[in-house]
Protein backbone atom coordinates (compact mmCIF):
# COMPACT_ATOMS: atom_id res chain seq x y z
CA MET A 1 138.40 121.82 141.58
CA VAL A 2 136.94 124.79 139.68
CA SER A 3 139.16 123.98 136.68
CA ALA A 4 137.88 120.40 136.62
CA ALA A 5 134.26 121.59 136.82
CA LEU A 6 134.84 124.12 134.04
CA LEU A 7 136.48 121.51 131.81
CA SER A 8 133.64 119.07 132.48
CA THR A 9 131.08 121.75 131.61
CA LEU A 10 132.86 122.67 128.38
CA HIS A 11 133.22 118.98 127.49
CA LEU A 12 129.49 118.40 127.93
CA LEU A 13 128.69 121.60 126.06
CA GLY A 14 130.88 120.41 123.19
CA LEU A 15 129.05 117.10 123.11
CA THR A 16 125.66 118.84 123.16
CA ILE A 17 126.68 121.14 120.32
CA GLY A 18 128.04 118.11 118.48
CA VAL A 19 124.89 116.01 118.63
CA SER A 20 122.63 118.90 117.66
CA SER A 21 124.88 120.21 114.88
CA VAL A 22 125.54 116.84 113.25
CA TYR A 23 121.79 116.15 113.40
CA ALA A 24 121.09 119.56 111.80
CA ARG A 25 123.73 118.91 109.14
CA GLY A 26 122.02 115.63 108.26
CA ARG A 27 118.67 117.36 107.86
CA ALA A 28 120.29 120.05 105.72
CA LEU A 29 122.01 117.42 103.56
CA ARG A 30 118.70 115.62 103.00
CA ALA A 31 117.09 118.93 101.96
CA LEU A 32 120.08 119.67 99.74
CA ALA A 33 119.57 116.42 97.84
CA GLY A 34 116.39 117.94 96.41
CA ASP A 35 117.61 121.53 96.08
CA PRO A 36 121.30 122.17 95.32
CA GLY A 37 120.85 125.85 96.15
CA ARG A 38 120.56 125.17 99.88
CA LEU A 39 124.25 124.93 100.82
CA ALA A 40 124.19 127.63 103.54
CA PRO A 41 122.40 125.49 106.16
CA VAL A 42 124.76 122.58 105.48
CA PHE A 43 127.80 124.81 105.96
CA PHE A 44 126.33 126.49 109.05
CA ALA A 45 125.66 123.18 110.80
CA ASP A 46 129.02 121.83 109.67
CA ASN A 47 130.78 124.86 111.19
CA TRP A 48 129.20 124.12 114.56
CA TRP A 49 130.08 120.44 114.18
CA GLY A 50 133.71 121.54 113.81
CA VAL A 51 133.48 123.82 116.87
CA SER A 52 132.09 120.93 118.89
CA ALA A 53 134.91 118.62 117.77
CA ILE A 54 137.56 121.11 118.87
CA LEU A 55 135.78 121.73 122.17
CA SER A 56 135.01 118.08 122.96
CA ILE A 57 138.33 116.61 121.91
CA GLY A 58 140.39 119.42 123.45
CA THR A 59 138.66 119.28 126.81
CA GLY A 60 138.51 115.48 126.71
CA LEU A 61 142.27 115.20 126.27
CA ALA A 62 142.85 117.75 129.04
CA ARG A 63 140.53 115.86 131.38
CA ALA A 64 141.93 112.42 130.64
CA PHE A 65 145.62 113.23 130.49
CA GLY A 66 145.97 116.53 132.33
CA PRO A 67 146.12 117.20 136.06
CA PHE A 68 142.43 118.12 136.34
CA GLU A 69 140.65 114.81 136.87
CA LYS A 70 141.36 111.30 138.08
CA GLY A 71 144.43 110.84 135.88
CA PRO A 72 145.27 108.69 132.89
CA GLY A 73 145.44 105.50 134.99
CA PHE A 74 141.75 105.72 135.82
CA TYR A 75 140.70 106.40 132.26
CA LEU A 76 142.97 103.93 130.51
CA ASN A 77 141.88 101.15 132.86
CA SER A 78 138.19 101.79 132.21
CA HIS A 79 136.63 99.58 129.57
CA SER A 80 133.82 102.13 129.23
CA PHE A 81 136.34 104.87 128.47
CA LEU A 82 138.15 102.71 125.92
CA LEU A 83 134.87 101.87 124.20
CA LYS A 84 133.96 105.58 124.26
CA LEU A 85 137.30 106.35 122.58
CA ALA A 86 136.60 103.65 119.99
CA LEU A 87 133.25 105.30 119.18
CA VAL A 88 134.92 108.71 118.92
CA GLY A 89 137.48 107.13 116.58
CA ALA A 90 134.68 105.63 114.50
CA VAL A 91 132.99 109.04 114.22
CA VAL A 92 136.30 110.61 113.17
CA LEU A 93 136.82 107.94 110.50
CA LEU A 94 133.25 108.28 109.26
CA GLU A 95 133.70 112.06 109.13
CA VAL A 96 136.62 111.97 106.68
CA TRP A 97 134.45 111.68 103.56
CA PRO A 98 131.88 114.36 104.57
CA MET A 99 134.64 116.70 105.73
CA VAL A 100 136.64 116.41 102.51
CA THR A 101 133.49 116.74 100.40
CA LEU A 102 132.27 119.83 102.24
CA ILE A 103 135.70 121.45 102.04
CA ARG A 104 135.62 120.88 98.28
CA TRP A 105 132.13 122.34 98.08
CA ARG A 106 133.22 125.42 100.04
CA ILE A 107 136.21 125.95 97.75
CA ALA A 108 134.06 125.50 94.64
CA GLN A 109 131.47 127.94 95.97
CA ALA A 110 134.16 130.53 96.82
CA ARG A 111 135.50 130.24 93.28
CA GLY A 112 132.04 130.53 91.76
CA ARG A 113 132.10 127.00 90.35
CA ALA A 114 129.19 124.62 90.04
CA ILE A 115 128.87 122.14 92.90
CA ASP A 116 127.87 118.54 92.33
CA THR A 117 125.61 117.74 95.28
CA SER A 118 124.58 114.32 93.97
CA VAL A 119 126.28 112.63 96.95
CA ALA A 120 124.26 114.64 99.51
CA ALA A 121 121.83 111.79 100.22
CA ARG A 122 124.70 109.36 100.85
CA LEU A 123 126.44 111.91 103.05
CA ALA A 124 123.19 112.19 105.02
CA GLN A 125 123.25 108.42 105.58
CA VAL A 126 126.82 108.57 106.92
CA ASN A 127 125.69 111.49 109.04
CA ALA A 128 122.86 109.39 110.53
CA VAL A 129 125.37 106.77 111.66
CA GLU A 130 127.45 109.53 113.24
CA VAL A 131 124.39 110.79 115.13
CA ALA A 132 123.70 107.30 116.49
CA LEU A 133 127.29 106.95 117.68
CA MET A 134 127.25 110.42 119.20
CA VAL A 135 124.18 109.50 121.23
CA LEU A 136 125.95 106.41 122.63
CA ILE A 137 129.03 108.34 123.74
CA PRO A 138 127.37 110.11 126.75
CA PHE A 139 126.01 106.77 127.92
CA LEU A 140 129.52 105.36 128.03
CA ALA A 141 130.77 108.50 129.78
CA SER A 142 128.06 108.10 132.38
CA ALA A 143 128.93 104.42 132.84
CA MET A 144 132.60 105.30 133.21
CA ALA A 145 131.88 108.00 135.79
CA ARG A 146 130.00 105.41 137.84
CA GLY A 147 132.84 102.91 137.68
CA LEU A 148 131.06 100.54 135.36
CA GLY A 149 133.41 98.49 133.24
CA PHE A 150 132.63 96.69 130.04
CA THR A 151 130.24 94.24 131.72
CA TRP A 152 126.85 95.25 133.05
CA PHE A 153 127.58 93.54 136.37
CA SER A 154 130.41 95.81 137.59
């Protein structure tokens, strides 16, 4: 029981860190579009976004498929859970371009090379979509915990 509570707490903490860090990264990317010298806040927020992904996904997998919660049968038969997974998948797919770009920027900065930040504004737009999806995910988790399926009448 304590393990399940700890995993749930860490899962929620990961989600909280995720929403706040991806929001902060978007703000930093918008500021970067006007001032290419402001990479540090982008990288800082992105680091926390990565920590949240590891925390949220790791604890989520343990909760859904490990011996700590209701078991995979409960989760895989929940339309709310499946929709939540679809949103997580969408965030992961949306994150590919920003992740690759920021890794390239980090490498260029470490090598003392110039960094082309001209895509920062477009990355901020992708980031805004990620924020919106991240805000929907706890709603679906709450619906799932209450036994609500895909319809509002369950």
